[in-house]
Amino acid sequence: KILYGTKGINVIGVTKVIGGDPMIADV
């Protein structure tokens, strides 16, 4: 978030690799 934020780019978190695991998504 810090890295991409330096150039105004928002990070969307892709959860498919973790099967939509709620605990990891919450992190």
PDB file of all heavy atoms in Angstrom:
ATOM      1  N   LYS A   1       0.833  -1.204   0.000  1.00  0.00           N
ATOM      2  CA  LYS A   1       0.000   0.000   0.000  1.00  0.00           C
ATOM      3  C   LYS A   1       0.870   1.258   0.000  1.00  0.00           C
ATOM      4  O   LYS A   1       0.579   2.224  -0.702  1.00  0.00           O
ATOM      5  CB  LYS A   1      -0.947   0.004   1.202  1.00  0.00           C
ATOM      6  CG  LYS A   1      -2.217  -0.811   0.985  1.00  0.00           C
ATOM      7  CD  LYS A   1      -3.204  -0.621   2.104  1.00  0.00           C
ATOM      8  CE  LYS A   1      -3.672   0.806   2.267  1.00  0.00           C
ATOM      9  NZ  LYS A   1      -4.441   1.299   1.106  1.00  0.00           N
ATOM     10  N   ILE A   2       1.942   1.244   0.779  1.00  0.00           N
ATOM     11  CA  ILE A   2       2.851   2.386   0.802  1.00  0.00           C
ATOM     12  C   ILE A   2       3.530   2.546  -0.557  1.00  0.00           C
ATOM     13  O   ILE A   2       3.596   3.648  -1.126  1.00  0.00           O
ATOM     14  CB  ILE A   2       3.908   2.210   1.906  1.00  0.00           C
ATOM     15  CG1 ILE A   2       3.254   2.306   3.293  1.00  0.00           C
ATOM     16  CG2 ILE A   2       5.018   3.254   1.769  1.00  0.00           C
ATOM     17  CD1 ILE A   2       4.165   1.902   4.430  1.00  0.00           C
ATOM     18  N   LEU A   3       4.037   1.430  -1.102  1.00  0.00           N
ATOM     19  CA  LEU A   3       4.752   1.467  -2.377  1.00  0.00           C
ATOM     20  C   LEU A   3       3.875   2.031  -3.495  1.00  0.00           C
ATOM     21  O   LEU A   3       4.244   3.012  -4.158  1.00  0.00           O
ATOM     22  CB  LEU A   3       5.220   0.058  -2.747  1.00  0.00           C
ATOM     23  CG  LEU A   3       5.853  -0.097  -4.138  1.00  0.00           C
ATOM     24  CD1 LEU A   3       7.177   0.644  -4.204  1.00  0.00           C
ATOM     25  CD2 LEU A   3       6.036  -1.580  -4.475  1.00  0.00           C
ATOM     26  N   TYR A   4       2.721   1.406  -3.719  1.00  0.00           N
ATOM     27  CA  TYR A   4       1.870   1.843  -4.829  1.00  0.00           C
ATOM     28  C   TYR A   4       1.201   3.187  -4.541  1.00  0.00           C
ATOM     29  O   TYR A   4       0.898   3.948  -5.457  1.00  0.00           O
ATOM     30  CB  TYR A   4       0.845   0.756  -5.163  1.00  0.00           C
ATOM     31  CG  TYR A   4       1.468  -0.412  -5.888  1.00  0.00           C
ATOM     32  CD1 TYR A   4       1.676  -1.630  -5.243  1.00  0.00           C
ATOM     33  CD2 TYR A   4       1.869  -0.295  -7.204  1.00  0.00           C
ATOM     34  CE1 TYR A   4       2.268  -2.707  -5.906  1.00  0.00           C
ATOM     35  CE2 TYR A   4       2.452  -1.357  -7.883  1.00  0.00           C
ATOM     36  CZ  TYR A   4       2.665  -2.553  -7.227  1.00  0.00           C
ATOM     37  OH  TYR A   4       3.254  -3.606  -7.893  1.00  0.00           O
ATOM     38  N   GLY A   5       1.008   3.479  -3.274  1.00  0.00           N
ATOM     39  CA  GLY A   5       0.421   4.765  -2.898  1.00  0.00           C
ATOM     40  C   GLY A   5       1.302   5.946  -3.253  1.00  0.00           C
ATOM     41  O   GLY A   5       0.804   7.070  -3.418  1.00  0.00           O
ATOM     42  N   THR A   6       2.612   5.730  -3.371  1.00  0.00           N
ATOM     43  CA  THR A   6       3.510   6.842  -3.725  1.00  0.00           C
ATOM     44  C   THR A   6       3.196   7.409  -5.100  1.00  0.00           C
ATOM     45  O   THR A   6       3.558   8.547  -5.404  1.00  0.00           O
ATOM     46  CB  THR A   6       4.987   6.389  -3.706  1.00  0.00           C
ATOM     47  OG1 THR A   6       5.171   5.322  -4.659  1.00  0.00           O
ATOM     48  CG2 THR A   6       5.401   5.916  -2.319  1.00  0.00           C
ATOM     49  N   LYS A   7       2.520   6.630  -5.926  1.00  0.00           N
ATOM     50  CA  LYS A   7       2.150   7.105  -7.262  1.00  0.00           C
ATOM     51  C   LYS A   7       0.636   7.105  -7.460  1.00  0.00           C
ATOM     52  O   LYS A   7       0.139   7.083  -8.580  1.00  0.00           O
ATOM     53  CB  LYS A   7       2.826   6.261  -8.335  1.00  0.00           C
ATOM     54  CG  LYS A   7       4.349   6.359  -8.321  1.00  0.00           C
ATOM     55  CD  LYS A   7       4.973   5.558  -9.457  1.00  0.00           C
ATOM     56  CE  LYS A   7       6.499   5.637  -9.435  1.00  0.00           C
ATOM     57  NZ  LYS A   7       7.116   4.862 -10.547  1.00  0.00           N
ATOM     58  N   GLY A   8      -0.087   7.120  -6.340  1.00  0.00           N
ATOM     59  CA  GLY A   8      -1.543   7.275  -6.412  1.00  0.00           C
ATOM     60  C   GLY A   8      -2.297   6.068  -6.906  1.00  0.00           C
ATOM     61  O   GLY A   8      -3.416   6.205  -7.428  1.00  0.00           O
ATOM     62  N   ILE A   9      -1.728   4.872  -6.724  1.00  0.00           N
ATOM     63  CA  ILE A   9      -2.400   3.659  -7.179  1.00  0.00           C
ATOM     64  C   ILE A   9      -2.949   2.897  -5.990  1.00  0.00           C
ATOM     65  O   ILE A   9      -2.243   2.617  -5.022  1.00  0.00           O
ATOM     66  CB  ILE A   9      -1.433   2.771  -7.991  1.00  0.00           C
ATOM     67  CG1 ILE A   9      -1.089   3.480  -9.301  1.00  0.00           C
ATOM     68  CG2 ILE A   9      -2.040   1.396  -8.257  1.00  0.00           C
ATOM     69  CD1 ILE A   9      -0.149   2.714 -10.204  1.00  0.00           C
ATOM     70  N   ASN A  10      -4.241   2.563  -6.061  1.00  0.00           N
ATOM     71  CA  ASN A  10      -4.927   1.843  -4.994  1.00  0.00           C
ATOM     72  C   ASN A  10      -4.729   0.338  -5.163  1.00  0.00           C
ATOM     73  O   ASN A  10      -4.759  -0.183  -6.281  1.00  0.00           O
ATOM     74  CB  ASN A  10      -6.426   2.176  -5.031  1.00  0.00           C
ATOM     75  CG  ASN A  10      -7.190   1.478  -3.926  1.00  0.00           C
ATOM     76  OD1 ASN A  10      -6.834   1.577  -2.757  1.00  0.00           O
ATOM     77  ND2 ASN A  10      -8.242   0.762  -4.289  1.00  0.00           N
ATOM     78  N   VAL A  11      -4.533  -0.357  -4.054  1.00  0.00           N
ATOM     79  CA  VAL A  11      -4.354  -1.805  -4.065  1.00  0.00           C
ATOM     80  C   VAL A  11      -5.677  -2.496  -3.741  1.00  0.00           C
ATOM     81  O   VAL A  11      -6.280  -2.251  -2.693  1.00  0.00           O
ATOM     82  CB  VAL A  11      -3.281  -2.239  -3.044  1.00  0.00           C
ATOM     83  CG1 VAL A  11      -3.219  -3.765  -2.933  1.00  0.00           C
ATOM     84  CG2 VAL A  11      -1.918  -1.683  -3.445  1.00  0.00           C
ATOM     85  N   ILE A  12      -6.121  -3.347  -4.654  1.00  0.00           N
ATOM     86  CA  ILE A  12      -7.269  -4.224  -4.431  1.00  0.00           C
ATOM     87  C   ILE A  12      -6.716  -5.592  -4.035  1.00  0.00           C
ATOM     88  O   ILE A  12      -5.810  -6.118  -4.689  1.00  0.00           O
ATOM     89  CB  ILE A  12      -8.131  -4.342  -5.706  1.00  0.00           C
ATOM     90  CG1 ILE A  12      -8.790  -2.990  -6.026  1.00  0.00           C
ATOM     91  CG2 ILE A  12      -9.195  -5.430  -5.554  1.00  0.00           C
ATOM     92  CD1 ILE A  12      -9.523  -2.969  -7.356  1.00  0.00           C
ATOM     93  N   GLY A  13      -7.223  -6.167  -2.958  1.00  0.00           N
ATOM     94  CA  GLY A  13      -6.728  -7.457  -2.477  1.00  0.00           C
ATOM     95  C   GLY A  13      -7.462  -8.618  -3.116  1.00  0.00           C
ATOM     96  O   GLY A  13      -8.687  -8.741  -2.969  1.00  0.00           O
ATOM     97  N   VAL A  14      -6.738  -9.476  -3.816  1.00  0.00           N
ATOM     98  CA  VAL A  14      -7.331 -10.631  -4.498  1.00  0.00           C
ATOM     99  C   VAL A  14      -7.270 -11.847  -3.576  1.00  0.00           C
ATOM    100  O   VAL A  14      -6.183 -12.267  -3.160  1.00  0.00           O
ATOM    101  CB  VAL A  14      -6.612 -10.910  -5.827  1.00  0.00           C
ATOM    102  CG1 VAL A  14      -7.166 -12.172  -6.483  1.00  0.00           C
ATOM    103  CG2 VAL A  14      -6.757  -9.721  -6.769  1.00  0.00           C
ATOM    104  N   THR A  15      -8.419 -12.420  -3.272  1.00  0.00           N
ATOM    105  CA  THR A  15      -8.519 -13.486  -2.266  1.00  0.00           C
ATOM    106  C   THR A  15      -8.734 -14.880  -2.838  1.00  0.00           C
ATOM    107  O   THR A  15      -8.909 -15.829  -2.093  1.00  0.00           O
ATOM    108  CB  THR A  15      -9.668 -13.172  -1.292  1.00  0.00           C
ATOM    109  OG1 THR A  15     -10.896 -13.038  -2.050  1.00  0.00           O
ATOM    110  CG2 THR A  15      -9.406 -11.896  -0.526  1.00  0.00           C
ATOM    111  N   LYS A  16      -8.702 -15.036  -4.169  1.00  0.00           N
ATOM    112  CA  LYS A  16      -9.022 -16.356  -4.734  1.00  0.00           C
ATOM    113  C   LYS A  16      -8.009 -17.423  -4.345  1.00  0.00           C
ATOM    114  O   LYS A  16      -8.365 -18.580  -4.141  1.00  0.00           O
ATOM    115  CB  LYS A  16      -9.159 -16.273  -6.249  1.00  0.00           C
ATOM    116  CG  LYS A  16      -7.877 -15.947  -7.005  1.00  0.00           C
ATOM    117  CD  LYS A  16      -8.132 -15.924  -8.505  1.00  0.00           C
ATOM    118  CE  LYS A  16      -6.841 -15.641  -9.267  1.00  0.00           C
ATOM    119  NZ  LYS A  16      -7.070 -15.610 -10.725  1.00  0.00           N
ATOM    120  N   VAL A  17      -6.722 -17.044  -4.214  1.00  0.00           N
ATOM    121  CA  VAL A  17      -5.699 -18.046  -3.906  1.00  0.00           C
ATOM    122  C   VAL A  17      -5.879 -18.613  -2.505  1.00  0.00           C
ATOM    123  O   VAL A  17      -5.423 -19.729  -2.218  1.00  0.00           O
ATOM    124  CB  VAL A  17      -4.288 -17.437  -4.073  1.00  0.00           C
ATOM    125  CG1 VAL A  17      -3.933 -16.507  -2.932  1.00  0.00           C
ATOM    126  CG2 VAL A  17      -3.230 -18.536  -4.208  1.00  0.00           C
ATOM    127  N   ILE A  18      -6.549 -17.875  -1.616  1.00  0.00           N
ATOM    128  CA  ILE A  18      -6.798 -18.359  -0.254  1.00  0.00           C
ATOM    129  C   ILE A  18      -8.251 -18.804  -0.082  1.00  0.00           C
ATOM    130  O   ILE A  18      -8.727 -18.965   1.037  1.00  0.00           O
ATOM    131  CB  ILE A  18      -6.443 -17.281   0.785  1.00  0.00           C
ATOM    132  CG1 ILE A  18      -7.132 -15.956   0.454  1.00  0.00           C
ATOM    133  CG2 ILE A  18      -4.939 -17.090   0.866  1.00  0.00           C
ATOM    134  CD1 ILE A  18      -7.509 -15.105   1.600  1.00  0.00           C
ATOM    135  N   GLY A  19      -8.936 -19.013  -1.204  1.00  0.00           N
ATOM    136  CA  GLY A  19     -10.304 -19.529  -1.160  1.00  0.00           C
ATOM    137  C   GLY A  19     -11.262 -18.655  -0.374  1.00  0.00           C
ATOM    138  O   GLY A  19     -12.216 -19.144   0.220  1.00  0.00           O
ATOM    139  N   GLY A  20     -11.011 -17.332  -0.373  1.00  0.00           N
ATOM    140  CA  GLY A  20     -11.886 -16.435   0.380  1.00  0.00           C
ATOM    141  C   GLY A  20     -11.836 -16.669   1.876  1.00  0.00           C
ATOM    142  O   GLY A  20     -12.824 -16.436   2.579  1.00  0.00           O
ATOM    143  N   ASP A  21     -10.703 -17.113   2.394  1.00  0.00           N
ATOM    144  CA  ASP A  21     -10.573 -17.400   3.826  1.00  0.00           C
ATOM    145  C   ASP A  21     -10.861 -16.139   4.646  1.00  0.00           C
ATOM    146  O   ASP A  21     -10.159 -15.133   4.514  1.00  0.00           O
ATOM    147  CB  ASP A  21      -9.163 -17.884   4.123  1.00  0.00           C
ATOM    148  CG  ASP A  21      -8.966 -18.250   5.583  1.00  0.00           C
ATOM    149  OD1 ASP A  21      -8.609 -17.361   6.368  1.00  0.00           O
ATOM    150  OD2 ASP A  21      -9.180 -19.425   5.925  1.00  0.00           O
ATOM    151  N   PRO A  22     -11.893 -16.161   5.507  1.00  0.00           N
ATOM    152  CA  PRO A  22     -12.280 -14.942   6.217  1.00  0.00           C
ATOM    153  C   PRO A  22     -11.206 -14.379   7.136  1.00  0.00           C
ATOM    154  O   PRO A  22     -11.063 -13.157   7.239  1.00  0.00           O
ATOM    155  CB  PRO A  22     -13.517 -15.378   7.024  1.00  0.00           C
ATOM    156  CG  PRO A  22     -14.072 -16.535   6.275  1.00  0.00           C
ATOM    157  CD  PRO A  22     -12.874 -17.253   5.732  1.00  0.00           C
ATOM    158  N   MET A  23     -10.451 -15.245   7.809  1.00  0.00           N
ATOM    159  CA  MET A  23      -9.445 -14.732   8.739  1.00  0.00           C
ATOM    160  C   MET A  23      -8.335 -13.985   8.002  1.00  0.00           C
ATOM    161  O   MET A  23      -7.883 -12.923   8.433  1.00  0.00           O
ATOM    162  CB  MET A  23      -8.868 -15.868   9.575  1.00  0.00           C
ATOM    163  CG  MET A  23      -8.053 -15.377  10.767  1.00  0.00           C
ATOM    164  SD  MET A  23      -7.414 -16.733  11.770  1.00  0.00           S
ATOM    165  CE  MET A  23      -8.943 -17.443  12.377  1.00  0.00           C
ATOM    166  N   ILE A  24      -7.903 -14.538   6.873  1.00  0.00           N
ATOM    167  CA  ILE A  24      -6.864 -13.866   6.095  1.00  0.00           C
ATOM    168  C   ILE A  24      -7.427 -12.612   5.441  1.00  0.00           C
ATOM    169  O   ILE A  24      -6.753 -11.572   5.391  1.00  0.00           O
ATOM    170  CB  ILE A  24      -6.265 -14.825   5.050  1.00  0.00           C
ATOM    171  CG1 ILE A  24      -5.694 -16.069   5.733  1.00  0.00           C
ATOM    172  CG2 ILE A  24      -5.178 -14.124   4.247  1.00  0.00           C
ATOM    173  CD1 ILE A  24      -5.192 -17.134   4.770  1.00  0.00           C
ATOM    174  N   ALA A  25      -8.657 -12.692   4.952  1.00  0.00           N
ATOM    175  CA  ALA A  25      -9.289 -11.512   4.374  1.00  0.00           C
ATOM    176  C   ALA A  25      -9.385 -10.386   5.397  1.00  0.00           C
ATOM    177  O   ALA A  25      -9.192  -9.203   5.074  1.00  0.00           O
ATOM    178  CB  ALA A  25     -10.683 -11.868   3.855  1.00  0.00           C
ATOM    179  N   ASP A  26      -9.651 -10.740   6.635  1.00  0.00           N
ATOM    180  CA  ASP A  26      -9.743  -9.739   7.694  1.00  0.00           C
ATOM    181  C   ASP A  26      -8.396  -9.057   7.933  1.00  0.00           C
ATOM    182  O   ASP A  26      -8.336  -7.870   8.233  1.00  0.00           O
ATOM    183  CB  ASP A  26     -10.242 -10.394   8.981  1.00  0.00           C
ATOM    184  CG  ASP A  26     -10.823  -9.393   9.955  1.00  0.00           C
ATOM    185  OD1 ASP A  26     -11.538  -8.475   9.508  1.00  0.00           O
ATOM    186  OD2 ASP A  26     -10.553  -9.509  11.159  1.00  0.00           O
ATOM    187  N   VAL A  27      -7.306  -9.820   7.790  1.00  0.00           N
ATOM    188  CA  VAL A  27      -5.965  -9.232   7.900  1.00  0.00           C
ATOM    189  C   VAL A  27      -5.785  -8.160   6.826  1.00  0.00           C
ATOM    190  O   VAL A  27      -5.257  -7.069   7.094  1.00  0.00           O
ATOM    191  CB  VAL A  27      -4.878 -10.320   7.768  1.00  0.00           C
ATOM    192  CG1 VAL A  27      -3.494  -9.687   7.680  1.00  0.00           C
ATOM    193  CG2 VAL A  27      -4.938 -11.275   8.944  1.00  0.00           C
TER     194      VAL A  27
END
